[in-house]
Amino acid sequence: MQKGPFRNRSPLVLASGSPRRRELLSDLGLTFDVHPSPLEEPLPGPGESPASYVLRMAELKTLDVAARFRGATIIGADTAVVLGDRIMGKPRSRLDALEMLTTLSGATHQVVSGFCVVLPDGKTVSEAVSTDVDMRVSTEGELMSYIETGEPMDKAGAYAIQGVGTFLVTAIRGSYTNVVGLPVARVLEVLTATGCVEPRMPSDG
């Protein structure tokens, strides 16, 4: 199998159980262990901005895992779908998913991901990245049929741009992988700038 274009220079741990984030890192060629944090995610605080909230969640989970893996590079993230001042998490039921998707239909919303990287020396880098997403106008029947696939039930905002839910999206402005759950280009910049990741040379095999 063809390896990706990068390799990590230190042990790497993904502090998330998300299959999407796992795939994005694997595509780069990185090797890593997966250890999601068991901590419960608190709700946004009064007046807390979406960027502040996802950063707080990313740091909470990543630092929790980093305490158990000293000397490794730890990557964690949290993603929210935002419409106006409303932060949408994962739907609690099919009815909740329908309400979210109906609200997003025909509108432009933001997907905001916060990521946190704990370096082997214990230093922390965390940022929030936002992408604008335009949604097509969908009928209730279309949305109900989509919900029946089961895909929306574990996704923020009740849709997956990389899955069946791609039919809902007409345009994006910003990072595509950010909508999937991890702003890969920016995370890679942090990892390469700090020497945790480097390009894979042809001689590496």
Protein backbone atom coordinates (compact mmCIF):
# COMPACT_ATOMS: atom_id res chain seq x y z
CA MET A 1 0.00 0.00 0.00
CA GLN A 2 1.27 3.47 -0.89
CA LYS A 3 2.22 5.42 2.22
CA GLY A 4 1.19 9.02 2.73
CA PRO A 5 3.54 11.95 2.16
CA PHE A 6 4.42 12.55 5.84
CA ARG A 7 5.72 10.65 8.84
CA ASN A 8 5.74 11.51 12.52
CA ARG A 9 9.02 11.86 14.40
CA SER A 10 7.54 11.21 17.84
CA PRO A 11 4.80 8.94 19.18
CA LEU A 12 1.42 10.35 18.14
CA VAL A 13 -1.92 9.94 19.91
CA LEU A 14 -5.32 10.97 18.55
CA ALA A 15 -7.53 11.99 21.48
CA SER A 16 -10.72 11.34 19.53
CA GLY A 17 -12.76 8.32 18.53
CA SER A 18 -13.94 9.97 15.30
CA PRO A 19 -13.42 7.68 12.28
CA ARG A 20 -13.27 10.79 10.08
CA ARG A 21 -10.34 12.30 12.01
CA ARG A 22 -8.61 8.94 12.09
CA GLU A 23 -8.88 8.63 8.31
CA LEU A 24 -7.63 12.17 7.70
CA LEU A 25 -4.46 11.55 9.74
CA SER A 26 -3.93 8.12 8.19
CA ASP A 27 -4.13 9.63 4.69
CA LEU A 28 -1.16 11.83 5.58
CA GLY A 29 0.88 8.71 6.29
CA LEU A 30 1.06 9.25 10.05
CA THR A 31 1.08 6.38 12.52
CA PHE A 32 -0.78 6.91 15.77
CA ASP A 33 -2.71 5.35 18.62
CA VAL A 34 -6.32 6.29 19.32
CA HIS A 35 -7.30 7.11 22.90
CA PRO A 36 -10.51 9.16 23.19
CA SER A 37 -11.09 11.06 26.40
CA PRO A 38 -13.93 9.65 28.54
CA LEU A 39 -14.81 13.10 29.89
CA GLU A 40 -18.38 14.34 29.47
CA GLU A 41 -18.75 17.44 27.29
CA PRO A 42 -20.39 20.32 29.15
CA LEU A 43 -22.84 22.59 27.37
CA PRO A 44 -21.75 26.04 26.13
CA GLY A 45 -21.62 28.65 28.86
CA PRO A 46 -23.88 31.73 28.82
CA GLY A 47 -22.68 34.06 26.08
CA GLU A 48 -19.80 31.74 25.14
CA SER A 49 -18.84 32.11 21.47
CA PRO A 50 -18.72 29.03 19.24
CA ALA A 51 -14.96 29.41 18.77
CA SER A 52 -14.38 29.66 22.52
CA TYR A 53 -16.61 26.67 23.14
CA VAL A 54 -14.97 24.29 20.64
CA LEU A 55 -11.53 25.38 21.82
CA ARG A 56 -12.51 24.70 25.42
CA MET A 57 -13.82 21.25 24.49
CA ALA A 58 -10.75 20.40 22.39
CA GLU A 59 -8.38 21.47 25.16
CA LEU A 60 -10.41 19.65 27.82
CA LYS A 61 -10.24 16.33 26.00
CA THR A 62 -6.69 16.65 24.69
CA LEU A 63 -5.14 17.66 28.01
CA ASP A 64 -6.97 14.81 29.72
CA VAL A 65 -5.37 12.29 27.36
CA ALA A 66 -1.97 14.04 27.39
CA ALA A 67 -1.71 13.51 31.14
CA ARG A 68 -1.47 9.76 30.43
CA PHE A 69 0.99 9.93 27.52
CA ARG A 70 3.97 12.04 28.51
CA GLY A 71 6.50 12.63 25.77
CA ALA A 72 4.03 12.01 22.93
CA THR A 73 2.30 14.41 20.55
CA ILE A 74 -1.42 14.50 21.33
CA ILE A 75 -4.05 15.79 18.89
CA GLY A 76 -7.64 16.48 19.88
CA ALA A 77 -10.49 18.40 18.29
CA ASP A 78 -14.10 19.40 18.68
CA THR A 79 -16.48 20.52 15.93
CA ALA A 80 -19.75 22.45 16.07
CA VAL A 81 -22.28 23.55 13.48
CA VAL A 82 -23.32 27.14 14.05
CA LEU A 83 -26.27 29.07 12.66
CA GLY A 84 -26.49 32.62 13.94
CA ASP A 85 -25.92 32.35 17.69
CA ARG A 86 -27.08 28.73 17.90
CA ILE A 87 -24.51 25.99 18.41
CA MET A 88 -25.74 22.65 17.10
CA GLY A 89 -24.33 19.45 18.51
CA LYS A 90 -25.31 15.88 17.70
CA PRO A 91 -29.08 15.24 17.48
CA ARG A 92 -30.68 13.50 20.45
CA SER A 93 -33.39 11.86 18.34
CA ARG A 94 -34.66 11.60 14.78
CA LEU A 95 -37.10 14.40 15.48
CA ASP A 96 -34.22 16.54 16.74
CA ALA A 97 -32.25 15.70 13.57
CA LEU A 98 -35.19 16.74 11.40
CA GLU A 99 -35.50 20.04 13.26
CA MET A 100 -31.79 20.77 12.79
CA LEU A 101 -31.77 19.89 9.10
CA THR A 102 -34.95 21.88 8.46
CA THR A 103 -33.38 24.90 10.15
CA LEU A 104 -30.20 24.57 8.06
CA SER A 105 -32.09 24.03 4.76
CA GLY A 106 -31.51 26.90 2.33
CA ALA A 107 -29.26 28.75 4.78
CA THR A 108 -25.56 29.47 5.16
CA HIS A 109 -24.03 28.25 8.40
CA GLN A 110 -20.56 27.94 9.85
CA VAL A 111 -18.70 24.82 10.87
CA VAL A 112 -16.24 25.73 13.62
CA SER A 113 -13.56 23.25 14.68
CA GLY A 114 -11.23 23.78 17.59
CA PHE A 115 -8.07 21.72 17.69
CA CYS A 116 -5.48 21.28 20.40
CA VAL A 117 -1.98 19.86 19.98
CA VAL A 118 0.06 18.98 23.06
CA LEU A 119 3.73 18.70 22.07
CA PRO A 120 6.19 16.19 23.54
CA ASP A 121 7.69 18.92 25.75
CA GLY A 122 4.25 19.69 27.21
CA LYS A 123 3.66 22.93 25.31
CA THR A 124 0.17 23.40 23.89
CA VAL A 125 -1.02 24.90 20.58
CA SER A 126 -4.75 25.40 20.08
CA GLU A 127 -6.76 27.27 17.45
CA ALA A 128 -10.26 27.50 16.02
CA VAL A 129 -11.00 27.37 12.28
CA SER A 130 -14.31 28.34 10.65
CA THR A 131 -15.79 27.34 7.28
CA ASP A 132 -18.94 28.73 5.65
CA VAL A 133 -21.33 26.10 4.27
CA ASP A 134 -24.27 26.81 1.92
CA MET A 135 -27.14 24.32 2.07
CA ARG A 136 -29.68 23.56 -0.66
CA VAL A 137 -33.39 23.86 0.04
CA SER A 138 -34.52 20.32 0.86
CA THR A 139 -38.02 18.96 1.30
CA GLU A 140 -39.16 17.31 4.50
CA GLY A 141 -39.43 14.03 2.61
CA GLU A 142 -35.82 14.25 1.46
CA LEU A 143 -34.64 15.05 4.96
CA MET A 144 -36.66 12.21 6.50
CA SER A 145 -35.24 9.78 3.95
CA TYR A 146 -31.74 10.97 4.79
CA ILE A 147 -32.36 10.53 8.51
CA GLU A 148 -33.51 6.97 7.83
CA THR A 149 -29.99 6.14 6.60
CA GLY A 150 -28.83 6.64 10.20
CA GLU A 151 -25.92 8.84 9.14
CA PRO A 152 -27.10 12.07 10.83
CA MET A 153 -27.41 10.63 14.32
CA ASP A 154 -23.79 10.98 15.43
CA LYS A 155 -22.92 14.12 13.47
CA ALA A 156 -22.89 17.73 14.64
CA GLY A 157 -25.70 19.52 12.82
CA ALA A 158 -27.12 16.13 11.78
CA TYR A 159 -25.24 15.76 8.47
CA ALA A 160 -21.95 14.46 7.07
CA ILE A 161 -20.47 16.37 4.13
CA GLN A 162 -18.19 13.42 3.31
CA GLY A 163 -21.04 10.91 3.30
CA VAL A 164 -24.57 10.66 1.99
CA GLY A 165 -25.19 14.18 3.29
CA THR A 166 -23.05 15.66 0.52
CA PHE A 167 -26.27 16.17 -1.47
CA LEU A 168 -27.32 18.82 1.07
CA VAL A 169 -24.35 21.11 0.42
CA THR A 170 -24.16 23.50 -2.55
CA ALA A 171 -20.92 25.33 -1.69
CA ILE A 172 -18.29 25.85 0.98
CA ARG A 173 -15.85 28.68 1.63
CA GLY A 174 -12.83 27.62 3.62
CA SER A 175 -11.35 24.30 4.66
CA TYR A 176 -13.26 21.23 3.48
CA THR A 177 -11.58 18.95 6.02
CA ASN A 178 -12.62 21.37 8.74
CA VAL A 179 -16.24 20.51 7.91
CA VAL A 180 -15.31 16.81 8.11
CA GLY A 181 -13.93 17.43 11.60
CA LEU A 182 -10.26 18.46 11.47
CA PRO A 183 -8.62 21.42 9.64
CA VAL A 184 -5.83 19.24 8.25
CA ALA A 185 -3.76 21.96 6.54
CA ARG A 186 -3.53 24.07 9.69
CA VAL A 187 -2.89 21.12 11.99
CA LEU A 188 -0.14 19.92 9.66
CA GLU A 189 1.45 23.38 9.72
CA VAL A 190 1.65 23.16 13.50
CA LEU A 191 3.05 19.62 13.44
CA THR A 192 5.73 20.37 10.83
CA ALA A 193 6.71 23.73 12.34
CA THR A 194 7.33 22.08 15.72
CA GLY A 195 9.27 19.17 14.22
CA CYS A 196 6.76 16.52 15.21
CA VAL A 197 6.07 15.62 11.57
CA GLU A 198 8.27 15.73 8.49
CA PRO A 199 7.96 14.86 4.78
CA ARG A 200 8.54 11.22 3.95
CA MET A 201 11.61 10.82 1.74
CA PRO A 202 11.66 8.27 -1.14
CA SER A 203 14.45 6.40 0.66
CA ASP A 204 12.14 5.87 3.66
CA GLY A 205 10.35 3.10 1.75
